[in-house]
Amino acid sequence: MTEYDDQENIFGYRIPSPFCVLHRSEFIPAKKLVQKVLDGLLDEVGLMNYFSFSELEKKILEIYSSDHQFDKSIETIVIKELERKYKNAEVVKKIRQVIWDRSKSAAQNVHKIIKRVLPEKEKIELLDLGCGQGVLSLYLLEQPEFDEIQLKDIADFRYREVRSEKRLHFAKVNELRLAKRNHQKYDCILLHTVLHHVRRPDEIINFCIDSLKPGGVILVVETCVDVEKDGLCAKQHKESDSNRHTKGFLSLDTKNQIAFSVFLDWFFCKIMSDNILAYYQFNSPEGWKTFFKRFDGLNILSENCSCKGFDVSHSPSFQTVYVLSIRNNRP
């Protein structure tokens, strides 16, 4: 198998390449929704009709037949065409502003949850693990509970404004070699859409368990697939989300939900943010809950399926929020 073949992730879901929506007929429903979402993005930043997703598809099919297997050369073409359109200075500036606006909303939601689960804490030691651009933590600094925040990620993706903030302390880490010197250091650890991007989510959770102070919490926001149209998560999400694409996402079968999520995840991380992506450990809402229950002594204090996409307002990203704690009698 190559990196462009379907792979099975650790939760048993078949994960296709990000480009499957461009050349495999079984993913036509996902492709149509991707096109609507990208067109919606340009509309949101005032650049409608600047780029048509169909232009990219046409260019690809001029070179490869619809049943041809994707390889490195086709990835290069896709990236080149998307960057040519979306990395225009005006486009990047406007899309970045959308991300900033959404991060402010996300920070407000995160702060409310933290205050609810740590009501007695006047000052909170927070670790933003897998911080990405760091904008969410920059906004959290506006709250009186945070004098400073620790940021960690596998590479430095921070925006300039985040790098210049002296109260945000960044450290580069290796996913599989997270240091133990943070033993019982933090009141709260934030994992914002992190676990589905790592090779071993269990190692991340074990690190968090070791790094929490007694009474501390892990706040997990995770992207979900395999969301049933009539399921509880979809119902709660629908009641709180006016996103016009939500219904389209729920109409997709599981494999198309995954194909859609993989392409959008790849697009926003690789094309818009230059982030490193290697894994797509997508899971269902119930699957994440089952995963957390594997850890001895880890308790699920609360879960909420109604959280819409924090940083992509126009995309029907189903995200579940979990607040996790550990027993006080750990070694």
Protein backbone atom coordinates (compact mmCIF):
# COMPACT_ATOMS: atom_id res chain seq x y z
CA MET A 1 0.00 0.00 0.00
CA THR A 2 1.02 3.62 -0.56
CA GLU A 3 0.09 6.76 1.34
CA TYR A 4 -2.59 7.33 -1.32
CA ASP A 5 -4.36 4.03 -0.68
CA ASP A 6 -7.15 3.75 1.87
CA GLN A 7 -5.76 3.16 5.34
CA GLU A 8 -7.48 1.86 8.46
CA ASN A 9 -7.07 4.14 11.46
CA ILE A 10 -6.74 2.91 15.03
CA PHE A 11 -10.50 3.07 15.55
CA GLY A 12 -11.25 0.83 12.57
CA TYR A 13 -12.43 3.48 10.10
CA ARG A 14 -11.22 3.34 6.49
CA ILE A 15 -9.45 6.61 5.72
CA PRO A 16 -9.04 7.55 2.03
CA SER A 17 -6.50 10.02 0.67
CA PRO A 18 -7.54 13.70 0.89
CA PHE A 19 -7.89 13.73 -2.91
CA CYS A 20 -10.36 10.87 -3.20
CA VAL A 21 -13.22 13.34 -3.63
CA LEU A 22 -11.66 14.43 -6.93
CA HIS A 23 -11.38 11.09 -8.68
CA ARG A 24 -13.54 8.38 -7.09
CA SER A 25 -17.19 8.10 -8.05
CA GLU A 26 -18.18 6.64 -4.67
CA PHE A 27 -17.32 10.00 -3.11
CA ILE A 28 -19.38 12.23 -5.41
CA PRO A 29 -21.71 13.26 -2.51
CA ALA A 30 -18.68 14.33 -0.47
CA LYS A 31 -17.24 16.22 -3.46
CA LYS A 32 -20.45 18.20 -3.94
CA LEU A 33 -20.48 19.24 -0.30
CA VAL A 34 -16.78 20.16 -0.38
CA GLN A 35 -17.46 22.41 -3.37
CA LYS A 36 -20.35 24.13 -1.57
CA VAL A 37 -18.22 24.67 1.53
CA LEU A 38 -15.26 26.14 -0.37
CA ASP A 39 -17.58 28.36 -2.39
CA GLY A 40 -19.17 29.39 0.91
CA LEU A 41 -15.76 30.28 2.31
CA LEU A 42 -15.07 32.63 -0.58
CA ASP A 43 -18.54 34.09 -0.26
CA GLU A 44 -17.98 34.66 3.46
CA VAL A 45 -14.83 36.72 2.80
CA GLY A 46 -16.39 38.61 -0.10
CA LEU A 47 -14.62 36.81 -2.92
CA MET A 48 -17.40 34.72 -4.45
CA ASN A 49 -16.63 33.44 -7.97
CA TYR A 50 -12.91 33.99 -7.36
CA PHE A 51 -12.27 30.27 -7.73
CA SER A 52 -14.39 27.34 -8.81
CA PHE A 53 -13.72 23.92 -7.34
CA SER A 54 -14.71 22.44 -10.70
CA GLU A 55 -11.66 24.13 -12.30
CA LEU A 56 -9.39 22.01 -10.16
CA GLU A 57 -11.32 18.83 -10.89
CA LYS A 58 -11.16 19.49 -14.64
CA LYS A 59 -7.41 20.07 -14.53
CA ILE A 60 -6.85 16.84 -12.63
CA LEU A 61 -8.97 14.75 -14.99
CA GLU A 62 -7.15 16.16 -18.00
CA ILE A 63 -4.11 14.28 -16.74
CA TYR A 64 -5.55 11.25 -15.02
CA SER A 65 -8.58 9.17 -15.85
CA SER A 66 -11.22 8.97 -13.14
CA ASP A 67 -10.11 5.52 -12.04
CA HIS A 68 -6.37 6.27 -11.99
CA GLN A 69 -4.66 5.89 -8.65
CA PHE A 70 -3.40 9.14 -7.15
CA ASP A 71 0.33 9.49 -6.57
CA LYS A 72 2.83 12.16 -5.56
CA SER A 73 2.62 13.98 -8.89
CA ILE A 74 -1.14 14.44 -8.59
CA GLU A 75 -0.76 15.75 -5.04
CA THR A 76 1.72 18.32 -6.32
CA ILE A 77 -0.78 19.49 -8.94
CA VAL A 78 -3.60 19.76 -6.41
CA ILE A 79 -1.47 21.73 -3.95
CA LYS A 80 -0.13 24.02 -6.67
CA GLU A 81 -3.60 24.87 -8.00
CA LEU A 82 -5.14 25.41 -4.58
CA GLU A 83 -2.25 27.56 -3.41
CA ARG A 84 -2.37 29.60 -6.63
CA LYS A 85 -5.96 30.54 -5.83
CA TYR A 86 -6.21 30.54 -2.05
CA LYS A 87 -2.75 31.87 -1.16
CA ASN A 88 -3.38 35.11 -2.96
CA ALA A 89 -2.54 37.81 -0.40
CA GLU A 90 -6.06 39.20 -0.33
CA VAL A 91 -7.65 35.77 0.11
CA VAL A 92 -5.27 34.76 2.91
CA LYS A 93 -5.81 38.04 4.74
CA LYS A 94 -9.58 37.73 4.68
CA ILE A 95 -9.69 34.03 5.53
CA ARG A 96 -7.25 34.60 8.38
CA GLN A 97 -9.63 37.21 9.80
CA VAL A 98 -12.40 34.60 9.75
CA ILE A 99 -10.15 32.25 11.73
CA TRP A 100 -9.33 35.02 14.24
CA ASP A 101 -13.01 35.81 14.72
CA ARG A 102 -13.88 32.15 15.24
CA SER A 103 -10.97 31.69 17.67
CA LYS A 104 -12.32 34.51 19.82
CA SER A 105 -15.67 32.74 20.00
CA ALA A 106 -13.90 29.47 20.77
CA ALA A 107 -11.94 31.08 23.61
CA GLN A 108 -15.16 32.38 25.13
CA ASN A 109 -16.70 28.89 25.00
CA VAL A 110 -13.58 27.28 26.46
CA HIS A 111 -13.44 29.86 29.25
CA LYS A 112 -17.07 29.21 30.20
CA ILE A 113 -16.43 25.47 30.44
CA ILE A 114 -13.26 25.93 32.50
CA LYS A 115 -15.01 28.30 34.92
CA ARG A 116 -17.86 25.82 35.29
CA VAL A 117 -15.63 22.87 36.16
CA LEU A 118 -13.01 24.83 38.17
CA PRO A 119 -15.23 27.41 39.93
CA GLU A 120 -12.96 27.86 42.97
CA LYS A 121 -9.82 28.62 40.98
CA GLU A 122 -8.85 32.29 40.88
CA LYS A 123 -5.70 31.54 38.89
CA ILE A 124 -5.40 28.61 36.48
CA GLU A 125 -2.28 26.93 35.14
CA LEU A 126 -3.24 26.02 31.56
CA LEU A 127 -1.47 23.95 28.93
CA ASP A 128 -2.65 24.31 25.33
CA LEU A 129 -1.32 21.04 23.92
CA GLY A 130 -1.29 21.01 20.13
CA CYS A 131 -1.78 24.78 20.09
CA GLY A 132 -1.46 25.31 16.32
CA GLN A 133 -1.45 29.03 15.50
CA GLY A 134 -2.00 29.84 19.18
CA VAL A 135 -4.80 32.34 18.59
CA LEU A 136 -7.22 30.64 20.97
CA SER A 137 -4.78 30.97 23.88
CA LEU A 138 -4.02 34.56 22.92
CA TYR A 139 -7.69 35.34 23.46
CA LEU A 140 -7.83 33.33 26.68
CA LEU A 141 -5.19 35.67 28.13
CA GLU A 142 -7.87 38.35 28.20
CA GLN A 143 -9.51 36.44 31.06
CA PRO A 144 -8.32 37.20 34.63
CA GLU A 145 -7.72 33.55 35.52
CA PHE A 146 -4.74 33.28 33.17
CA ASP A 147 -1.53 35.15 33.96
CA GLU A 148 0.33 33.02 31.44
CA ILE A 149 -0.32 29.95 29.30
CA GLN A 150 1.96 27.15 28.21
CA LEU A 151 1.83 26.14 24.52
CA LYS A 152 3.17 22.92 23.04
CA ASP A 153 3.12 21.50 19.51
CA ILE A 154 5.24 19.35 17.20
CA ALA A 155 6.27 22.44 15.18
CA ASP A 156 5.96 26.19 15.50
CA PHE A 157 2.82 27.26 13.64
CA ARG A 158 2.20 30.39 15.73
CA TYR A 159 1.10 33.65 14.17
CA ARG A 160 3.38 36.65 14.61
CA GLU A 161 1.06 38.22 17.18
CA VAL A 162 1.18 35.07 19.29
CA ARG A 163 4.97 34.86 19.15
CA SER A 164 5.30 38.42 20.39
CA GLU A 165 3.11 37.82 23.46
CA LYS A 166 5.54 37.19 26.33
CA ARG A 167 2.92 35.54 28.53
CA LEU A 168 2.52 32.69 26.04
CA HIS A 169 5.39 30.25 26.52
CA PHE A 170 5.95 27.88 23.60
CA ALA A 171 7.87 24.60 23.53
CA LYS A 172 8.30 22.21 20.63
CA VAL A 173 7.60 18.59 21.56
CA ASN A 174 7.82 15.17 20.00
CA GLU A 175 4.46 13.42 20.16
CA LEU A 176 5.98 10.12 21.23
CA ARG A 177 8.54 11.62 23.66
CA LEU A 178 6.53 13.95 25.80
CA ALA A 179 8.56 14.77 28.89
CA LYS A 180 7.53 13.52 32.32
CA ARG A 181 8.92 16.63 34.06
CA ASN A 182 5.48 18.24 33.95
CA HIS A 183 4.22 15.81 36.61
CA GLN A 184 1.10 17.28 38.29
CA LYS A 185 1.83 20.80 36.99
CA TYR A 186 -1.41 21.97 35.33
CA ASP A 187 -4.92 22.74 36.48
CA CYS A 188 -6.29 22.32 32.97
CA ILE A 189 -4.99 20.83 29.72
CA LEU A 190 -6.68 21.83 26.48
CA LEU A 191 -6.74 19.39 23.54
CA HIS A 192 -8.51 21.33 20.82
CA THR A 193 -8.98 19.05 17.76
CA VAL A 194 -5.64 17.42 18.50
CA LEU A 195 -6.22 13.71 19.08
CA HIS A 196 -7.36 12.91 15.52
CA HIS A 197 -4.05 14.29 14.19
CA VAL A 198 -1.66 12.13 16.22
CA ARG A 199 -0.27 8.64 15.80
CA ARG A 200 -0.99 7.52 19.36
CA PRO A 201 -3.87 9.37 21.06
CA ASP A 202 -3.45 7.09 24.06
CA GLU A 203 0.07 8.44 24.69
CA ILE A 204 -1.27 11.99 24.66
CA ILE A 205 -3.95 11.12 27.21
CA ASN A 206 -1.42 9.34 29.43
CA PHE A 207 0.81 12.43 29.34
CA CYS A 208 -2.15 14.60 30.30
CA ILE A 209 -3.09 12.32 33.20
CA ASP A 210 0.46 12.52 34.55
CA SER A 211 0.64 16.30 34.08
CA LEU A 212 -2.60 17.24 35.88
CA LYS A 213 -2.67 18.58 39.40
CA PRO A 214 -5.12 16.88 41.78
CA GLY A 215 -8.57 18.15 40.90
CA GLY A 216 -7.45 19.24 37.43
CA VAL A 217 -9.30 18.59 34.19
CA ILE A 218 -8.59 17.72 30.57
CA LEU A 219 -10.77 19.63 28.12
CA VAL A 220 -11.07 17.75 24.83
CA VAL A 221 -12.73 19.11 21.68
CA GLU A 222 -12.79 16.47 18.95
CA THR A 223 -14.04 16.27 15.39
CA CYS A 224 -16.49 13.43 14.80
CA VAL A 225 -17.59 11.30 11.87
CA ASP A 226 -20.15 8.50 11.63
CA VAL A 227 -22.76 10.96 12.92
CA GLU A 228 -26.22 9.46 12.51
CA LYS A 229 -28.88 11.68 10.97
CA ASP A 230 -31.37 10.92 13.73
CA GLY A 231 -28.84 10.38 16.51
CA LEU A 232 -28.62 12.39 19.74
CA CYS A 233 -25.42 14.19 18.69
CA ALA A 234 -26.95 15.34 15.42
CA LYS A 235 -30.14 16.45 17.18
CA GLN A 236 -28.30 18.50 19.80
CA HIS A 237 -25.99 19.96 17.17
CA LYS A 238 -28.89 20.96 14.95
CA GLU A 239 -30.64 22.77 17.78
CA SER A 240 -27.63 25.03 18.38
CA ASP A 241 -26.19 25.44 14.88
CA SER A 242 -27.50 27.52 12.01
CA ASN A 243 -24.81 26.30 9.63
CA ARG A 244 -26.43 25.86 6.22
CA HIS A 245 -24.30 22.83 5.35
CA THR A 246 -25.17 20.76 8.43
CA LYS A 247 -28.07 19.03 6.74
CA GLY A 248 -25.84 18.13 3.79
CA PHE A 249 -23.28 16.53 6.08
CA LEU A 250 -25.91 14.49 7.91
CA SER A 251 -27.25 13.20 4.59
CA LEU A 252 -23.87 11.61 3.79
CA ASP A 253 -23.15 7.99 4.61
CA THR A 254 -20.22 7.27 6.91
CA LYS A 255 -17.59 6.84 4.18
CA ASN A 256 -18.58 10.15 2.58
CA GLN A 257 -18.57 11.93 5.95
CA ILE A 258 -15.02 10.67 6.37
CA ALA A 259 -13.97 11.66 2.84
CA PHE A 260 -15.42 15.13 3.33
CA SER A 261 -13.73 15.55 6.73
CA VAL A 262 -10.36 14.34 5.46
CA PHE A 263 -10.31 16.76 2.53
CA LEU A 264 -11.41 19.79 4.59
CA ASP A 265 -8.97 18.91 7.37
CA TRP A 266 -6.15 18.62 4.84
CA PHE A 267 -7.18 21.84 3.08
CA PHE A 268 -7.27 24.07 6.16
CA CYS A 269 -4.12 22.61 7.70
CA LYS A 270 -1.96 22.14 4.62
CA ILE A 271 -3.15 24.82 2.20
CA MET A 272 -4.29 27.58 4.53
CA SER A 273 -1.95 27.08 7.48
CA ASP A 274 1.13 25.13 6.34
CA ASN A 275 0.63 22.73 9.24
CA ILE A 276 1.97 19.20 9.35
CA LEU A 277 -0.65 16.50 8.87
CA ALA A 278 0.05 12.82 9.05
CA TYR A 279 -2.93 11.06 10.63
CA TYR A 280 -6.71 11.10 10.48
CA GLN A 281 -7.80 9.31 13.63
CA PHE A 282 -11.43 10.32 13.15
CA ASN A 283 -13.92 8.66 15.45
CA SER A 284 -17.64 8.75 16.21
CA PRO A 285 -19.05 10.60 19.25
CA GLU A 286 -19.70 7.31 21.02
CA GLY A 287 -16.31 6.03 19.88
CA TRP A 288 -14.46 8.85 21.61
CA LYS A 289 -16.42 8.19 24.77
CA THR A 290 -15.46 4.52 24.62
CA PHE A 291 -11.83 5.48 24.02
CA PHE A 292 -11.65 7.66 27.15
CA LYS A 293 -13.22 4.91 29.26
CA ARG A 294 -10.21 2.69 28.52
CA PHE A 295 -8.03 4.69 30.91
CA ASP A 296 -8.11 3.44 34.47
CA GLY A 297 -9.09 6.22 36.84
CA LEU A 298 -10.13 8.66 34.11
CA ASN A 299 -13.64 10.01 34.61
CA ILE A 300 -15.87 11.75 32.07
CA LEU A 301 -17.33 14.69 33.99
CA SER A 302 -19.40 15.94 31.08
CA GLU A 303 -19.86 15.62 27.34
CA ASN A 304 -21.59 17.90 24.88
CA CYS A 305 -22.40 16.98 21.30
CA SER A 306 -23.85 20.35 20.40
CA CYS A 307 -20.56 22.16 19.87
CA LYS A 308 -20.26 23.39 16.29
CA GLY A 309 -16.94 23.89 14.52
CA PHE A 310 -14.88 26.35 16.56
CA ASP A 311 -12.60 27.65 13.83
CA VAL A 312 -14.44 26.96 10.54
CA SER A 313 -17.79 28.67 10.81
CA HIS A 314 -19.02 27.72 7.35
CA SER A 315 -18.06 24.03 7.55
CA PRO A 316 -20.42 21.46 9.15
CA SER A 317 -17.80 20.15 11.54
CA PHE A 318 -19.35 17.99 14.24
CA GLN A 319 -17.29 18.39 17.36
CA THR A 320 -17.89 16.85 20.75
CA VAL A 321 -16.60 18.43 23.96
CA TYR A 322 -15.45 16.14 26.77
CA VAL A 323 -14.36 17.27 30.24
CA LEU A 324 -12.19 14.59 31.83
CA SER A 325 -10.86 14.28 35.37
CA ILE A 326 -8.81 11.73 37.28
CA ARG A 327 -9.16 10.16 40.70
CA ASN A 328 -7.32 11.93 43.49
CA ASN A 329 -5.81 8.66 44.79
CA ARG A 330 -3.49 8.14 41.81
CA PRO A 331 0.15 7.24 42.57
